[in-house]
Amino acid sequence: MYDELYREFIKLKTTEMIEIIQDFPESMPCLTDIKFALDKTNMKDYLTFKLREMFENRLLILGNHTTLIISQYISTFRVMKLLDPSTIMLEIVSKPIKEYLRKRPDTLKRIVWLILHENDLY
C-alpha cells in the first residue's frame, strides 16, 4: 500500500543526497527516514548508482578543492554505514572517489592537514 510512497520518497531524497551527506550529523532524522524507506523497498541499488553518478558529475571535478572531496568522502563513509551496515553500498559509491583522490597530487598533504586541523573527523 505504501510501497509507491516509499519509492517516491527515495527518488526525491536521492536528488538531495549530496546535501544530506554534507549536513551530517544534523541530517540524521532525514537519514533515519531514508533508511526506513530503503528497508521497505528494493531501491538500494537505485540510490547507490544515482549517488555515485552525482559524485562523478558534481564532486569529482577539477574545480573542487581536495579538502572538500576528502571531507565529503568521510561524511559519505559515515552516512553509508548508517544506511547499509553491510558496506556494499559504500563500496560502490566510494570507488570513484577513492580512484579520483589517488590521482590528485595534493591528497596526502590535505589528509595530514585535515587530521591536524579538523576536530570533527572522528
PDB file of N, CA and C in Angstrom:
ATOM      1  N   MET A   1       0.817  -1.195   0.000  1.00  0.00           N
ATOM      2  CA  MET A   1       0.000   0.000   0.000  1.00  0.00           C
ATOM      3  C   MET A   1       0.863   1.263   0.000  1.00  0.00           C
ATOM      4  N   TYR A   2       1.871   1.275   0.858  1.00  0.00           N
ATOM      5  CA  TYR A   2       2.735   2.452   0.948  1.00  0.00           C
ATOM      6  C   TYR A   2       3.980   2.334   0.071  1.00  0.00           C
ATOM      7  N   ASP A   3       4.097   1.225  -0.643  1.00  0.00           N
ATOM      8  CA  ASP A   3       5.306   0.994  -1.442  1.00  0.00           C
ATOM      9  C   ASP A   3       5.591   2.140  -2.406  1.00  0.00           C
ATOM     10  N   GLU A   4       4.581   2.605  -3.094  1.00  0.00           N
ATOM     11  CA  GLU A   4       4.781   3.683  -4.062  1.00  0.00           C
ATOM     12  C   GLU A   4       5.211   4.972  -3.368  1.00  0.00           C
ATOM     13  N   LEU A   5       4.662   5.232  -2.206  1.00  0.00           N
ATOM     14  CA  LEU A   5       5.046   6.412  -1.423  1.00  0.00           C
ATOM     15  C   LEU A   5       6.519   6.327  -1.022  1.00  0.00           C
ATOM     16  N   TYR A   6       6.943   5.166  -0.542  1.00  0.00           N
ATOM     17  CA  TYR A   6       8.345   4.986  -0.163  1.00  0.00           C
ATOM     18  C   TYR A   6       9.263   5.139  -1.378  1.00  0.00           C
ATOM     19  N   ARG A   7       8.849   4.603  -2.521  1.00  0.00           N
ATOM     20  CA  ARG A   7       9.666   4.719  -3.734  1.00  0.00           C
ATOM     21  C   ARG A   7       9.831   6.183  -4.147  1.00  0.00           C
ATOM     22  N   GLU A   8       8.739   6.931  -4.129  1.00  0.00           N
ATOM     23  CA  GLU A   8       8.806   8.347  -4.494  1.00  0.00           C
ATOM     24  C   GLU A   8       9.648   9.133  -3.497  1.00  0.00           C
ATOM     25  N   PHE A   9       9.546   8.779  -2.229  1.00  0.00           N
ATOM     26  CA  PHE A   9      10.365   9.425  -1.196  1.00  0.00           C
ATOM     27  C   PHE A   9      11.852   9.183  -1.483  1.00  0.00           C
ATOM     28  N   ILE A  10      12.215   7.944  -1.797  1.00  0.00           N
ATOM     29  CA  ILE A  10      13.618   7.620  -2.101  1.00  0.00           C
ATOM     30  C   ILE A  10      14.085   8.392  -3.339  1.00  0.00           C
ATOM     31  N   LYS A  11      13.264   8.450  -4.365  1.00  0.00           N
ATOM     32  CA  LYS A  11      13.638   9.196  -5.571  1.00  0.00           C
ATOM     33  C   LYS A  11      13.879  10.669  -5.253  1.00  0.00           C
ATOM     34  N   LEU A  12      13.004  11.251  -4.452  1.00  0.00           N
ATOM     35  CA  LEU A  12      13.154  12.659  -4.074  1.00  0.00           C
ATOM     36  C   LEU A  12      14.417  12.873  -3.249  1.00  0.00           C
ATOM     37  N   LYS A  13      14.611  12.066  -2.236  1.00  0.00           N
ATOM     38  CA  LYS A  13      15.767  12.240  -1.351  1.00  0.00           C
ATOM     39  C   LYS A  13      17.088  11.907  -2.041  1.00  0.00           C
ATOM     40  N   THR A  14      17.038  11.047  -3.045  1.00  0.00           N
ATOM     41  CA  THR A  14      18.256  10.736  -3.789  1.00  0.00           C
ATOM     42  C   THR A  14      18.799  11.987  -4.459  1.00  0.00           C
ATOM     43  N   THR A  15      17.926  12.839  -4.961  1.00  0.00           N
ATOM     44  CA  THR A  15      18.376  14.078  -5.609  1.00  0.00           C
ATOM     45  C   THR A  15      19.010  15.041  -4.607  1.00  0.00           C
ATOM     46  N   GLU A  16      18.748  14.841  -3.313  1.00  0.00           N
ATOM     47  CA  GLU A  16      19.271  15.713  -2.265  1.00  0.00           C
ATOM     48  C   GLU A  16      20.407  15.076  -1.469  1.00  0.00           C
ATOM     49  N   MET A  17      20.859  13.900  -1.870  1.00  0.00           N
ATOM     50  CA  MET A  17      21.803  13.147  -1.043  1.00  0.00           C
ATOM     51  C   MET A  17      23.136  13.849  -0.812  1.00  0.00           C
ATOM     52  N   ILE A  18      23.657  14.538  -1.791  1.00  0.00           N
ATOM     53  CA  ILE A  18      24.942  15.221  -1.566  1.00  0.00           C
ATOM     54  C   ILE A  18      24.790  16.245  -0.445  1.00  0.00           C
ATOM     55  N   GLU A  19      23.719  16.988  -0.453  1.00  0.00           N
ATOM     56  CA  GLU A  19      23.477  17.978   0.605  1.00  0.00           C
ATOM     57  C   GLU A  19      23.199  17.292   1.944  1.00  0.00           C
ATOM     58  N   ILE A  20      22.469  16.186   1.916  1.00  0.00           N
ATOM     59  CA  ILE A  20      22.183  15.433   3.150  1.00  0.00           C
ATOM     60  C   ILE A  20      23.485  14.928   3.748  1.00  0.00           C
ATOM     61  N   ILE A  21      24.381  14.435   2.912  1.00  0.00           N
ATOM     62  CA  ILE A  21      25.680  13.951   3.391  1.00  0.00           C
ATOM     63  C   ILE A  21      26.512  15.107   3.933  1.00  0.00           C
ATOM     64  N   GLN A  22      26.513  16.238   3.244  1.00  0.00           N
ATOM     65  CA  GLN A  22      27.263  17.405   3.711  1.00  0.00           C
ATOM     66  C   GLN A  22      26.757  17.885   5.069  1.00  0.00           C
ATOM     67  N   ASP A  23      25.461  17.760   5.309  1.00  0.00           N
ATOM     68  CA  ASP A  23      24.859  18.238   6.553  1.00  0.00           C
ATOM     69  C   ASP A  23      24.952  17.238   7.700  1.00  0.00           C
ATOM     70  N   PHE A  24      25.512  16.067   7.460  1.00  0.00           N
ATOM     71  CA  PHE A  24      25.639  15.077   8.519  1.00  0.00           C
ATOM     72  C   PHE A  24      26.529  15.600   9.636  1.00  0.00           C
ATOM     73  N   PRO A  25      26.196  15.474  10.888  1.00  0.00           N
ATOM     74  CA  PRO A  25      25.156  14.652  11.513  1.00  0.00           C
ATOM     75  C   PRO A  25      23.807  15.362  11.713  1.00  0.00           C
ATOM     76  N   GLU A  26      23.708  16.619  11.330  1.00  0.00           N
ATOM     77  CA  GLU A  26      22.444  17.331  11.500  1.00  0.00           C
ATOM     78  C   GLU A  26      21.322  16.703  10.682  1.00  0.00           C
ATOM     79  N   SER A  27      21.665  15.999   9.614  1.00  0.00           N
ATOM     80  CA  SER A  27      20.667  15.385   8.742  1.00  0.00           C
ATOM     81  C   SER A  27      20.235  13.995   9.218  1.00  0.00           C
ATOM     82  N   MET A  28      20.612  13.625  10.419  1.00  0.00           N
ATOM     83  CA  MET A  28      20.315  12.296  10.953  1.00  0.00           C
ATOM     84  C   MET A  28      18.817  11.944  10.906  1.00  0.00           C
ATOM     85  N   PRO A  29      17.893  12.844  11.267  1.00  0.00           N
ATOM     86  CA  PRO A  29      16.470  12.480  11.171  1.00  0.00           C
ATOM     87  C   PRO A  29      16.055  12.110   9.740  1.00  0.00           C
ATOM     88  N   CYS A  30      16.568  12.829   8.772  1.00  0.00           N
ATOM     89  CA  CYS A  30      16.264  12.528   7.379  1.00  0.00           C
ATOM     90  C   CYS A  30      16.855  11.169   6.990  1.00  0.00           C
ATOM     91  N   LEU A  31      18.066  10.895   7.443  1.00  0.00           N
ATOM     92  CA  LEU A  31      18.706   9.611   7.140  1.00  0.00           C
ATOM     93  C   LEU A  31      17.956   8.447   7.758  1.00  0.00           C
ATOM     94  N   THR A  32      17.393   8.660   8.928  1.00  0.00           N
ATOM     95  CA  THR A  32      16.582   7.627   9.564  1.00  0.00           C
ATOM     96  C   THR A  32      15.363   7.308   8.698  1.00  0.00           C
ATOM     97  N   ASP A  33      14.732   8.337   8.162  1.00  0.00           N
ATOM     98  CA  ASP A  33      13.587   8.142   7.272  1.00  0.00           C
ATOM     99  C   ASP A  33      13.997   7.439   5.979  1.00  0.00           C
ATOM    100  N   ILE A  34      15.142   7.819   5.439  1.00  0.00           N
ATOM    101  CA  ILE A  34      15.637   7.185   4.214  1.00  0.00           C
ATOM    102  C   ILE A  34      15.916   5.706   4.463  1.00  0.00           C
ATOM    103  N   LYS A  35      16.574   5.402   5.569  1.00  0.00           N
ATOM    104  CA  LYS A  35      16.859   4.000   5.898  1.00  0.00           C
ATOM    105  C   LYS A  35      15.573   3.203   6.031  1.00  0.00           C
ATOM    106  N   PHE A  36      14.570   3.769   6.698  1.00  0.00           N
ATOM    107  CA  PHE A  36      13.289   3.093   6.857  1.00  0.00           C
ATOM    108  C   PHE A  36      12.667   2.801   5.481  1.00  0.00           C
ATOM    109  N   ALA A  37      12.670   3.799   4.598  1.00  0.00           N
ATOM    110  CA  ALA A  37      12.096   3.626   3.259  1.00  0.00           C
ATOM    111  C   ALA A  37      12.901   2.617   2.434  1.00  0.00           C
ATOM    112  N   LEU A  38      14.225   2.648   2.572  1.00  0.00           N
ATOM    113  CA  LEU A  38      15.050   1.664   1.852  1.00  0.00           C
ATOM    114  C   LEU A  38      14.753   0.250   2.322  1.00  0.00           C
ATOM    115  N   ASP A  39      14.527   0.093   3.612  1.00  0.00           N
ATOM    116  CA  ASP A  39      14.216  -1.228   4.154  1.00  0.00           C
ATOM    117  C   ASP A  39      12.856  -1.730   3.668  1.00  0.00           C
ATOM    118  N   LYS A  40      11.958  -0.826   3.307  1.00  0.00           N
ATOM    119  CA  LYS A  40      10.619  -1.191   2.831  1.00  0.00           C
ATOM    120  C   LYS A  40      10.558  -1.400   1.322  1.00  0.00           C
ATOM    121  N   THR A  41      11.592  -0.957   0.615  1.00  0.00           N
ATOM    122  CA  THR A  41      11.585  -1.058  -0.850  1.00  0.00           C
ATOM    123  C   THR A  41      12.826  -1.803  -1.313  1.00  0.00           C
ATOM    124  N   ASN A  42      12.902  -1.989  -2.586  1.00  0.00           N
ATOM    125  CA  ASN A  42      14.073  -2.613  -3.183  1.00  0.00           C
ATOM    126  C   ASN A  42      14.835  -1.558  -3.984  1.00  0.00           C
ATOM    127  N   MET A  43      15.160  -0.432  -3.316  1.00  0.00           N
ATOM    128  CA  MET A  43      15.744   0.692  -4.039  1.00  0.00           C
ATOM    129  C   MET A  43      17.162   1.043  -3.593  1.00  0.00           C
ATOM    130  N   LYS A  44      17.826   0.147  -2.909  1.00  0.00           N
ATOM    131  CA  LYS A  44      19.208   0.428  -2.521  1.00  0.00           C
ATOM    132  C   LYS A  44      20.092   0.607  -3.748  1.00  0.00           C
ATOM    133  N   ASP A  45      19.878  -0.221  -4.748  1.00  0.00           N
ATOM    134  CA  ASP A  45      20.668  -0.094  -5.985  1.00  0.00           C
ATOM    135  C   ASP A  45      20.415   1.250  -6.662  1.00  0.00           C
ATOM    136  N   TYR A  46      19.163   1.658  -6.687  1.00  0.00           N
ATOM    137  CA  TYR A  46      18.810   2.939  -7.305  1.00  0.00           C
ATOM    138  C   TYR A  46      19.554   4.079  -6.617  1.00  0.00           C
ATOM    139  N   LEU A  47      19.459   4.147  -5.303  1.00  0.00           N
ATOM    140  CA  LEU A  47      20.125   5.214  -4.546  1.00  0.00           C
ATOM    141  C   LEU A  47      21.638   5.141  -4.739  1.00  0.00           C
ATOM    142  N   THR A  48      22.179   3.943  -4.670  1.00  0.00           N
ATOM    143  CA  THR A  48      23.624   3.748  -4.777  1.00  0.00           C
ATOM    144  C   THR A  48      24.167   4.262  -6.107  1.00  0.00           C
ATOM    145  N   PHE A  49      23.560   3.848  -7.198  1.00  0.00           N
ATOM    146  CA  PHE A  49      24.098   4.214  -8.508  1.00  0.00           C
ATOM    147  C   PHE A  49      23.800   5.662  -8.869  1.00  0.00           C
ATOM    148  N   LYS A  50      22.676   6.195  -8.422  1.00  0.00           N
ATOM    149  CA  LYS A  50      22.392   7.616  -8.651  1.00  0.00           C
ATOM    150  C   LYS A  50      23.370   8.488  -7.855  1.00  0.00           C
ATOM    151  N   LEU A  51      23.652   8.103  -6.613  1.00  0.00           N
ATOM    152  CA  LEU A  51      24.592   8.868  -5.796  1.00  0.00           C
ATOM    153  C   LEU A  51      25.994   8.800  -6.395  1.00  0.00           C
ATOM    154  N   ARG A  52      26.383   7.648  -6.842  1.00  0.00           N
ATOM    155  CA  ARG A  52      27.693   7.509  -7.490  1.00  0.00           C
ATOM    156  C   ARG A  52      27.779   8.418  -8.719  1.00  0.00           C
ATOM    157  N   GLU A  53      26.730   8.427  -9.506  1.00  0.00           N
ATOM    158  CA  GLU A  53      26.678   9.283 -10.694  1.00  0.00           C
ATOM    159  C   GLU A  53      26.745  10.760 -10.310  1.00  0.00           C
ATOM    160  N   MET A  54      26.050  11.159  -9.249  1.00  0.00           N
ATOM    161  CA  MET A  54      26.081  12.550  -8.803  1.00  0.00           C
ATOM    162  C   MET A  54      27.476  12.931  -8.336  1.00  0.00           C
ATOM    163  N   PHE A  55      28.148  12.039  -7.616  1.00  0.00           N
ATOM    164  CA  PHE A  55      29.523  12.321  -7.198  1.00  0.00           C
ATOM    165  C   PHE A  55      30.425  12.526  -8.413  1.00  0.00           C
ATOM    166  N   GLU A  56      30.310  11.644  -9.387  1.00  0.00           N
ATOM    167  CA  GLU A  56      31.158  11.747 -10.573  1.00  0.00           C
ATOM    168  C   GLU A  56      30.917  13.049 -11.332  1.00  0.00           C
ATOM    169  N   ASN A  57      29.695  13.528 -11.348  1.00  0.00           N
ATOM    170  CA  ASN A  57      29.355  14.734 -12.111  1.00  0.00           C
ATOM    171  C   ASN A  57      29.500  16.035 -11.332  1.00  0.00           C
ATOM    172  N   ARG A  58      29.336  15.990 -10.010  1.00  0.00           N
ATOM    173  CA  ARG A  58      29.316  17.226  -9.227  1.00  0.00           C
ATOM    174  C   ARG A  58      30.481  17.387  -8.262  1.00  0.00           C
ATOM    175  N   LEU A  59      31.032  16.299  -7.774  1.00  0.00           N
ATOM    176  CA  LEU A  59      32.086  16.386  -6.762  1.00  0.00           C
ATOM    177  C   LEU A  59      33.473  16.168  -7.355  1.00  0.00           C
ATOM    178  N   LEU A  60      33.599  15.198  -8.209  1.00  0.00           N
ATOM    179  CA  LEU A  60      34.917  14.795  -8.712  1.00  0.00           C
ATOM    180  C   LEU A  60      35.283  15.571  -9.966  1.00  0.00           C
ATOM    181  N   ILE A  61      35.425  16.866  -9.771  1.00  0.00           N
ATOM    182  CA  ILE A  61      35.798  17.756 -10.871  1.00  0.00           C
ATOM    183  C   ILE A  61      36.983  18.609 -10.424  1.00  0.00           C
ATOM    184  N   LEU A  62      37.744  19.089 -11.372  1.00  0.00           N
ATOM    185  CA  LEU A  62      38.960  19.838 -11.053  1.00  0.00           C
ATOM    186  C   LEU A  62      38.700  21.093 -10.234  1.00  0.00           C
ATOM    187  N   GLY A  63      37.545  21.694 -10.346  1.00  0.00           N
ATOM    188  CA  GLY A  63      37.263  22.932  -9.631  1.00  0.00           C
ATOM    189  C   GLY A  63      37.063  22.766  -8.136  1.00  0.00           C
ATOM    190  N   ASN A  64      36.871  21.548  -7.671  1.00  0.00           N
ATOM    191  CA  ASN A  64      36.673  21.316  -6.238  1.00  0.00           C
ATOM    192  C   ASN A  64      38.002  21.069  -5.542  1.00  0.00           C
ATOM    193  N   HIS A  65      38.170  21.681  -4.386  1.00  0.00           N
ATOM    194  CA  HIS A  65      39.386  21.501  -3.604  1.00  0.00           C
ATOM    195  C   HIS A  65      39.465  20.077  -3.062  1.00  0.00           C
ATOM    196  N   THR A  66      40.664  19.573  -2.971  1.00  0.00           N
ATOM    197  CA  THR A  66      40.891  18.225  -2.463  1.00  0.00           C
ATOM    198  C   THR A  66      40.340  18.083  -1.050  1.00  0.00           C
ATOM    199  N   THR A  67      40.465  19.103  -0.232  1.00  0.00           N
ATOM    200  CA  THR A  67      39.959  19.059   1.141  1.00  0.00           C
ATOM    201  C   THR A  67      38.446  18.842   1.154  1.00  0.00           C
ATOM    202  N   LEU A  68      37.730  19.505   0.258  1.00  0.00           N
ATOM    203  CA  LEU A  68      36.283  19.320   0.156  1.00  0.00           C
ATOM    204  C   LEU A  68      35.950  17.881  -0.214  1.00  0.00           C
ATOM    205  N   ILE A  69      36.665  17.325  -1.158  1.00  0.00           N
ATOM    206  CA  ILE A  69      36.410  15.951  -1.602  1.00  0.00           C
ATOM    207  C   ILE A  69      36.698  14.965  -0.474  1.00  0.00           C
ATOM    208  N   ILE A  70      37.771  15.162   0.255  1.00  0.00           N
ATOM    209  CA  ILE A  70      38.103  14.277   1.375  1.00  0.00           C
ATOM    210  C   ILE A  70      37.049  14.382   2.470  1.00  0.00           C
ATOM    211  N   SER A  71      36.634  15.590   2.802  1.00  0.00           N
ATOM    212  CA  SER A  71      35.597  15.779   3.823  1.00  0.00           C
ATOM    213  C   SER A  71      34.291  15.115   3.398  1.00  0.00           C
ATOM    214  N   GLN A  72      33.947  15.254   2.126  1.00  0.00           N
ATOM    215  CA  GLN A  72      32.734  14.622   1.608  1.00  0.00           C
ATOM    216  C   GLN A  72      32.861  13.103   1.667  1.00  0.00           C
ATOM    217  N   TYR A  73      34.043  12.589   1.384  1.00  0.00           N
ATOM    218  CA  TYR A  73      34.278  11.148   1.459  1.00  0.00           C
ATOM    219  C   TYR A  73      34.085  10.647   2.892  1.00  0.00           C
ATOM    220  N   ILE A  74      34.612  11.369   3.855  1.00  0.00           N
ATOM    221  CA  ILE A  74      34.470  10.968   5.260  1.00  0.00           C
ATOM    222  C   ILE A  74      32.990  10.961   5.666  1.00  0.00           C
ATOM    223  N   SER A  75      32.276  12.003   5.301  1.00  0.00           N
ATOM    224  CA  SER A  75      30.848  12.057   5.618  1.00  0.00           C
ATOM    225  C   SER A  75      30.073  10.959   4.881  1.00  0.00           C
ATOM    226  N   THR A  76      30.448  10.706   3.637  1.00  0.00           N
ATOM    227  CA  THR A  76      29.799   9.638   2.869  1.00  0.00           C
ATOM    228  C   THR A  76      30.005   8.299   3.548  1.00  0.00           C
ATOM    229  N   PHE A  77      31.199   8.054   4.025  1.00  0.00           N
ATOM    230  CA  PHE A  77      31.507   6.813   4.738  1.00  0.00           C
ATOM    231  C   PHE A  77      30.565   6.654   5.926  1.00  0.00           C
ATOM    232  N   ARG A  78      30.421   7.681   6.719  1.00  0.00           N
ATOM    233  CA  ARG A  78      29.566   7.626   7.903  1.00  0.00           C
ATOM    234  C   ARG A  78      28.100   7.391   7.528  1.00  0.00           C
ATOM    235  N   VAL A  79      27.634   8.130   6.542  1.00  0.00           N
ATOM    236  CA  VAL A  79      26.226   8.035   6.136  1.00  0.00           C
ATOM    237  C   VAL A  79      25.920   6.665   5.539  1.00  0.00           C
ATOM    238  N   MET A  80      26.778   6.190   4.668  1.00  0.00           N
ATOM    239  CA  MET A  80      26.505   4.907   4.020  1.00  0.00           C
ATOM    240  C   MET A  80      26.564   3.749   5.014  1.00  0.00           C
ATOM    241  N   LYS A  81      27.403   3.851   6.018  1.00  0.00           N
ATOM    242  CA  LYS A  81      27.432   2.820   7.066  1.00  0.00           C
ATOM    243  C   LYS A  81      26.114   2.792   7.833  1.00  0.00           C
ATOM    244  N   LEU A  82      25.489   3.963   8.005  1.00  0.00           N
ATOM    245  CA  LEU A  82      24.181   4.010   8.667  1.00  0.00           C
ATOM    246  C   LEU A  82      23.091   3.404   7.785  1.00  0.00           C
ATOM    247  N   LEU A  83      23.125   3.722   6.499  1.00  0.00           N
ATOM    248  CA  LEU A  83      22.087   3.241   5.591  1.00  0.00           C
ATOM    249  C   LEU A  83      22.248   1.761   5.267  1.00  0.00           C
ATOM    250  N   ASP A  84      23.491   1.290   5.238  1.00  0.00           N
ATOM    251  CA  ASP A  84      23.759  -0.094   4.856  1.00  0.00           C
ATOM    252  C   ASP A  84      24.961  -0.618   5.643  1.00  0.00           C
ATOM    253  N   PRO A  85      24.712  -1.197   6.807  1.00  0.00           N
ATOM    254  CA  PRO A  85      25.827  -1.694   7.632  1.00  0.00           C
ATOM    255  C   PRO A  85      26.698  -2.747   6.933  1.00  0.00           C
ATOM    256  N   SER A  86      26.184  -3.386   5.890  1.00  0.00           N
ATOM    257  CA  SER A  86      26.979  -4.387   5.177  1.00  0.00           C
ATOM    258  C   SER A  86      28.103  -3.746   4.358  1.00  0.00           C
ATOM    259  N   THR A  87      28.056  -2.451   4.150  1.00  0.00           N
ATOM    260  CA  THR A  87      29.026  -1.632   3.407  1.00  0.00           C
ATOM    261  C   THR A  87      29.062  -1.907   1.902  1.00  0.00           C
ATOM    262  N   ILE A  88      28.120  -2.674   1.385  1.00  0.00           N
ATOM    263  CA  ILE A  88      28.078  -2.909  -0.062  1.00  0.00           C
ATOM    264  C   ILE A  88      27.810  -1.602  -0.790  1.00  0.00           C
ATOM    265  N   MET A  89      26.839  -0.836  -0.313  1.00  0.00           N
ATOM    266  CA  MET A  89      26.535   0.455  -0.931  1.00  0.00           C
ATOM    267  C   MET A  89      27.742   1.385  -0.844  1.00  0.00           C
ATOM    268  N   LEU A  90      28.412   1.386   0.297  1.00  0.00           N
ATOM    269  CA  LEU A  90      29.591   2.232   0.492  1.00  0.00           C
ATOM    270  C   LEU A  90      30.674   1.904  -0.521  1.00  0.00           C
ATOM    271  N   GLU A  91      30.955   0.647  -0.737  1.00  0.00           N
ATOM    272  CA  GLU A  91      31.997   0.254  -1.684  1.00  0.00           C
ATOM    273  C   GLU A  91      31.694   0.754  -3.091  1.00  0.00           C
ATOM    274  N   ILE A  92      30.448   0.639  -3.508  1.00  0.00           N
ATOM    275  CA  ILE A  92      30.075   1.061  -4.859  1.00  0.00           C
ATOM    276  C   ILE A  92      30.152   2.578  -4.997  1.00  0.00           C
ATOM    277  N   VAL A  93      29.635   3.285  -3.999  1.00  0.00           N
ATOM    278  CA  VAL A  93      29.604   4.752  -4.051  1.00  0.00           C
ATOM    279  C   VAL A  93      30.998   5.341  -3.925  1.00  0.00           C
ATOM    280  N   SER A  94      31.824   4.766  -3.068  1.00  0.00           N
ATOM    281  CA  SER A  94      33.121   5.379  -2.777  1.00  0.00           C
ATOM    282  C   SER A  94      34.218   5.033  -3.778  1.00  0.00           C
ATOM    283  N   LYS A  95      34.014   4.030  -4.598  1.00  0.00           N
ATOM    284  CA  LYS A  95      35.068   3.622  -5.530  1.00  0.00           C
ATOM    285  C   LYS A  95      35.570   4.765  -6.411  1.00  0.00           C
ATOM    286  N   PRO A  96      34.694   5.533  -7.084  1.00  0.00           N
ATOM    287  CA  PRO A  96      35.226   6.626  -7.912  1.00  0.00           C
ATOM    288  C   PRO A  96      35.886   7.734  -7.093  1.00  0.00           C
ATOM    289  N   ILE A  97      35.440   7.938  -5.857  1.00  0.00           N
ATOM    290  CA  ILE A  97      36.067   8.955  -5.003  1.00  0.00           C
ATOM    291  C   ILE A  97      37.490   8.536  -4.675  1.00  0.00           C
ATOM    292  N   LYS A  98      37.659   7.290  -4.268  1.00  0.00           N
ATOM    293  CA  LYS A  98      38.999   6.793  -3.936  1.00  0.00           C
ATOM    294  C   LYS A  98      39.925   6.847  -5.144  1.00  0.00           C
ATOM    295  N   GLU A  99      39.417   6.431  -6.299  1.00  0.00           N
ATOM    296  CA  GLU A  99      40.239   6.456  -7.519  1.00  0.00           C
ATOM    297  C   GLU A  99      40.631   7.890  -7.883  1.00  0.00           C
ATOM    298  N   TYR A 100      39.695   8.806  -7.743  1.00  0.00           N
ATOM    299  CA  TYR A 100      39.966  10.209  -8.077  1.00  0.00           C
ATOM    300  C   TYR A 100      41.001  10.805  -7.123  1.00  0.00           C
ATOM    301  N   LEU A 101      40.862  10.532  -5.833  1.00  0.00           N
ATOM    302  CA  LEU A 101      41.807  11.077  -4.850  1.00  0.00           C
ATOM    303  C   LEU A 101      43.212  10.523  -5.047  1.00  0.00           C
ATOM    304  N   ARG A 102      43.329   9.296  -5.513  1.00  0.00           N
ATOM    305  CA  ARG A 102      44.654   8.724  -5.778  1.00  0.00           C
ATOM    306  C   ARG A 102      45.387   9.490  -6.872  1.00  0.00           C
ATOM    307  N   LYS A 103      44.643  10.103  -7.773  1.00  0.00           N
ATOM    308  CA  LYS A 103      45.238  10.826  -8.895  1.00  0.00           C
ATOM    309  C   LYS A 103      45.593  12.271  -8.549  1.00  0.00           C
ATOM    310  N   ARG A 104      45.024  12.806  -7.479  1.00  0.00           N
ATOM    311  CA  ARG A 104      45.298  14.205  -7.122  1.00  0.00           C
ATOM    312  C   ARG A 104      46.645  14.283  -6.409  1.00  0.00           C
ATOM    313  N   PRO A 105      47.520  15.175  -6.846  1.00  0.00           N
ATOM    314  CA  PRO A 105      48.866  15.232  -6.267  1.00  0.00           C
ATOM    315  C   PRO A 105      48.905  15.733  -4.822  1.00  0.00           C
ATOM    316  N   ASP A 106      47.872  16.450  -4.379  1.00  0.00           N
ATOM    317  CA  ASP A 106      47.909  17.017  -3.029  1.00  0.00           C
ATOM    318  C   ASP A 106      47.066  16.242  -2.014  1.00  0.00           C
ATOM    319  N   THR A 107      46.630  15.041  -2.348  1.00  0.00           N
ATOM    320  CA  THR A 107      45.739  14.285  -1.461  1.00  0.00           C
ATOM    321  C   THR A 107      46.389  14.006  -0.115  1.00  0.00           C
ATOM    322  N   LEU A 108      47.585  13.471  -0.100  1.00  0.00           N
ATOM    323  CA  LEU A 108      48.248  13.138   1.163  1.00  0.00           C
ATOM    324  C   LEU A 108      48.458  14.383   2.016  1.00  0.00           C
ATOM    325  N   LYS A 109      48.903  15.456   1.403  1.00  0.00           N
ATOM    326  CA  LYS A 109      49.122  16.720   2.112  1.00  0.00           C
ATOM    327  C   LYS A 109      47.816  17.203   2.752  1.00  0.00           C
ATOM    328  N   ARG A 110      46.707  17.113   2.024  1.00  0.00           N
ATOM    329  CA  ARG A 110      45.401  17.574   2.541  1.00  0.00           C
ATOM    330  C   ARG A 110      44.875  16.662   3.637  1.00  0.00           C
ATOM    331  N   ILE A 111      45.131  15.366   3.546  1.00  0.00           N
ATOM    332  CA  ILE A 111      44.715  14.445   4.612  1.00  0.00           C
ATOM    333  C   ILE A 111      45.441  14.786   5.903  1.00  0.00           C
ATOM    334  N   VAL A 112      46.727  15.010   5.812  1.00  0.00           N
ATOM    335  CA  VAL A 112      47.501  15.386   7.001  1.00  0.00           C
ATOM    336  C   VAL A 112      46.982  16.703   7.567  1.00  0.00           C
ATOM    337  N   TRP A 113      46.725  17.671   6.708  1.00  0.00           N
ATOM    338  CA  TRP A 113      46.198  18.958   7.165  1.00  0.00           C
ATOM    339  C   TRP A 113      44.869  18.770   7.895  1.00  0.00           C
ATOM    340  N   LEU A 114      43.982  17.955   7.329  1.00  0.00           N
ATOM    341  CA  LEU A 114      42.682  17.711   7.962  1.00  0.00           C
ATOM    342  C   LEU A 114      42.844  17.053   9.329  1.00  0.00           C
ATOM    343  N   ILE A 115      43.740  16.110   9.411  1.00  0.00           N
ATOM    344  CA  ILE A 115      43.968  15.432  10.702  1.00  0.00           C
ATOM    345  C   ILE A 115      44.451  16.417  11.752  1.00  0.00           C
ATOM    346  N   LEU A 116      45.323  17.321  11.354  1.00  0.00           N
ATOM    347  CA  LEU A 116      45.897  18.264  12.308  1.00  0.00           C
ATOM    348  C   LEU A 116      44.947  19.421  12.659  1.00  0.00           C
ATOM    349  N   HIS A 117      44.040  19.782  11.763  1.00  0.00           N
ATOM    350  CA  HIS A 117      43.263  20.993  11.964  1.00  0.00           C
ATOM    351  C   HIS A 117      41.758  20.798  12.171  1.00  0.00           C
ATOM    352  N   GLU A 118      41.243  19.654  11.834  1.00  0.00           N
ATOM    353  CA  GLU A 118      39.803  19.428  11.976  1.00  0.00           C
ATOM    354  C   GLU A 118      39.540  18.625  13.236  1.00  0.00           C
ATOM    355  N   ASN A 119      38.606  19.108  14.038  1.00  0.00           N
ATOM    356  CA  ASN A 119      38.266  18.418  15.278  1.00  0.00           C
ATOM    357  C   ASN A 119      37.182  17.368  15.099  1.00  0.00           C
ATOM    358  N   ASP A 120      36.392  17.463  14.046  1.00  0.00           N
ATOM    359  CA  ASP A 120      35.226  16.579  13.902  1.00  0.00           C
ATOM    360  C   ASP A 120      35.426  15.450  12.893  1.00  0.00           C
ATOM    361  N   LEU A 121      36.667  15.050  12.620  1.00  0.00           N
ATOM    362  CA  LEU A 121      36.899  13.966  11.690  1.00  0.00           C
ATOM    363  C   LEU A 121      36.433  12.633  12.255  1.00  0.00           C
ATOM    364  N   TYR A 122      36.478  12.485  13.564  1.00  0.00           N
ATOM    365  CA  TYR A 122      36.088  11.218  14.169  1.00  0.00           C
ATOM    366  C   TYR A 122      34.850  11.455  14.956  1.00  0.00           C
TER     367      TYR A 122
END
